[in-house]
Amino acid sequence: MVLGARASGTAVVDLRASGAAIALMSLAAIFAYASWQEWANLLLGIWLIVSPWLLGFAHTRAMHYSIGVGVTVAFFSALELWLVYDAAPVKPAAHAPEKK
């Protein structure tokens, strides 16, 4: 086990449940993309960042894993949302008639 035997039960359950939810959202996005899946992953990433303090496993190795994975998931989800919403439709250039 990566977290070792010293990780609390709460930390292990939180990290496994969050990881499973992120994996399911990512698999769903592969088959049928929808922006709600990226929003859900963004919220899960933020949850992983704050969960060590809310669930009481701060200052442990599990906290470092939780924050690292949370920052990564939140960053890539926010990046995907930004790229999708920032992609403005490009208007084709008006073609001037050729001069002969």
Protein backbone atom coordinates (compact mmCIF):
# COMPACT_ATOMS: atom_id res chain seq x y z
CA MET A 1 0.00 0.00 0.00
CA VAL A 2 1.38 3.39 -0.96
CA LEU A 3 0.08 5.20 2.11
CA GLY A 4 1.57 2.71 4.52
CA ALA A 5 0.07 1.18 7.60
CA ARG A 6 0.07 4.48 9.47
CA ALA A 7 -2.66 6.13 7.33
CA SER A 8 -5.94 6.58 9.13
CA GLY A 9 -9.03 4.76 7.95
CA THR A 10 -10.67 8.07 7.10
CA ALA A 11 -7.79 9.07 4.82
CA VAL A 12 -7.75 5.73 3.02
CA VAL A 13 -11.52 5.74 2.48
CA ASP A 14 -11.47 9.36 1.27
CA LEU A 15 -8.62 8.82 -1.18
CA ARG A 16 -10.05 5.59 -2.56
CA ALA A 17 -13.57 6.99 -2.96
CA SER A 18 -12.30 10.20 -4.56
CA GLY A 19 -10.00 8.25 -6.86
CA ALA A 20 -12.82 5.96 -7.94
CA ALA A 21 -15.10 8.93 -8.61
CA ILE A 22 -12.40 10.68 -10.68
CA ALA A 23 -11.77 7.49 -12.66
CA LEU A 24 -15.49 7.03 -13.36
CA MET A 25 -15.88 10.66 -14.47
CA SER A 26 -12.86 10.31 -16.74
CA LEU A 27 -14.17 7.11 -18.29
CA ALA A 28 -17.54 8.73 -18.85
CA ALA A 29 -15.82 11.68 -20.55
CA ILE A 30 -14.04 9.30 -22.94
CA PHE A 31 -17.32 7.84 -24.19
CA ALA A 32 -19.49 10.96 -24.18
CA TYR A 33 -17.94 14.33 -23.34
CA ALA A 34 -20.05 16.76 -21.34
CA SER A 35 -18.84 19.83 -19.49
CA TRP A 36 -20.50 18.68 -16.26
CA GLN A 37 -17.93 15.90 -16.04
CA GLU A 38 -15.07 18.41 -16.01
CA TRP A 39 -16.91 20.51 -13.41
CA ALA A 40 -17.35 17.37 -11.28
CA ASN A 41 -13.64 16.55 -11.58
CA LEU A 42 -12.78 20.16 -10.67
CA LEU A 43 -14.90 19.89 -7.53
CA LEU A 44 -13.37 16.50 -6.67
CA GLY A 45 -9.90 18.00 -7.07
CA ILE A 46 -10.80 20.87 -4.75
CA TRP A 47 -12.27 18.36 -2.31
CA LEU A 48 -9.01 16.41 -2.28
CA ILE A 49 -7.12 19.62 -1.50
CA VAL A 50 -9.25 20.58 1.50
CA SER A 51 -10.25 17.12 2.78
CA PRO A 52 -7.17 16.55 4.99
CA TRP A 53 -8.23 19.46 7.22
CA LEU A 54 -11.96 18.75 7.06
CA LEU A 55 -11.58 15.03 7.81
CA GLY A 56 -8.73 15.35 10.28
CA PHE A 57 -5.76 13.71 8.62
CA ALA A 58 -3.63 16.81 8.19
CA HIS A 59 0.15 16.54 8.66
CA THR A 60 0.33 12.96 7.40
CA ARG A 61 1.72 11.31 4.29
CA ALA A 62 -1.88 10.84 3.11
CA MET A 63 -2.33 14.63 3.21
CA HIS A 64 0.54 15.07 0.76
CA TYR A 65 -0.92 12.52 -1.65
CA SER A 66 -4.36 14.06 -1.34
CA ILE A 67 -3.15 17.59 -2.03
CA GLY A 68 -0.86 16.51 -4.87
CA VAL A 69 -3.54 14.55 -6.67
CA GLY A 70 -6.14 17.23 -5.93
CA VAL A 71 -4.01 20.02 -7.39
CA THR A 72 -3.28 17.94 -10.49
CA VAL A 73 -6.92 16.98 -11.08
CA ALA A 74 -8.19 20.51 -10.41
CA PHE A 75 -5.55 22.04 -12.70
CA PHE A 76 -6.28 19.76 -15.65
CA SER A 77 -10.05 20.05 -15.20
CA ALA A 78 -9.84 23.86 -15.06
CA LEU A 79 -7.53 23.85 -18.08
CA GLU A 80 -9.96 21.71 -20.07
CA LEU A 81 -12.89 23.94 -19.13
CA TRP A 82 -10.92 27.06 -20.04
CA LEU A 83 -9.87 25.64 -23.40
CA VAL A 84 -13.41 24.56 -24.26
CA TYR A 85 -15.09 27.80 -23.19
CA ASP A 86 -12.35 30.08 -24.49
CA ALA A 87 -12.41 28.57 -27.96
CA ALA A 88 -14.19 31.36 -29.79
CA PRO A 89 -15.63 30.42 -33.14
CA VAL A 90 -13.30 31.60 -35.87
CA LYS A 91 -15.01 33.48 -38.66
CA PRO A 92 -13.67 32.72 -42.10
CA ALA A 93 -11.80 35.55 -43.72
CA ALA A 94 -13.69 37.41 -46.40
CA HIS A 95 -12.19 36.51 -49.71
CA ALA A 96 -11.57 39.40 -52.01
CA PRO A 97 -12.21 38.68 -55.67
CA GLU A 98 -9.05 38.00 -57.57
CA LYS A 99 -7.84 40.77 -59.83
CA LYS A 100 -6.85 39.81 -63.34
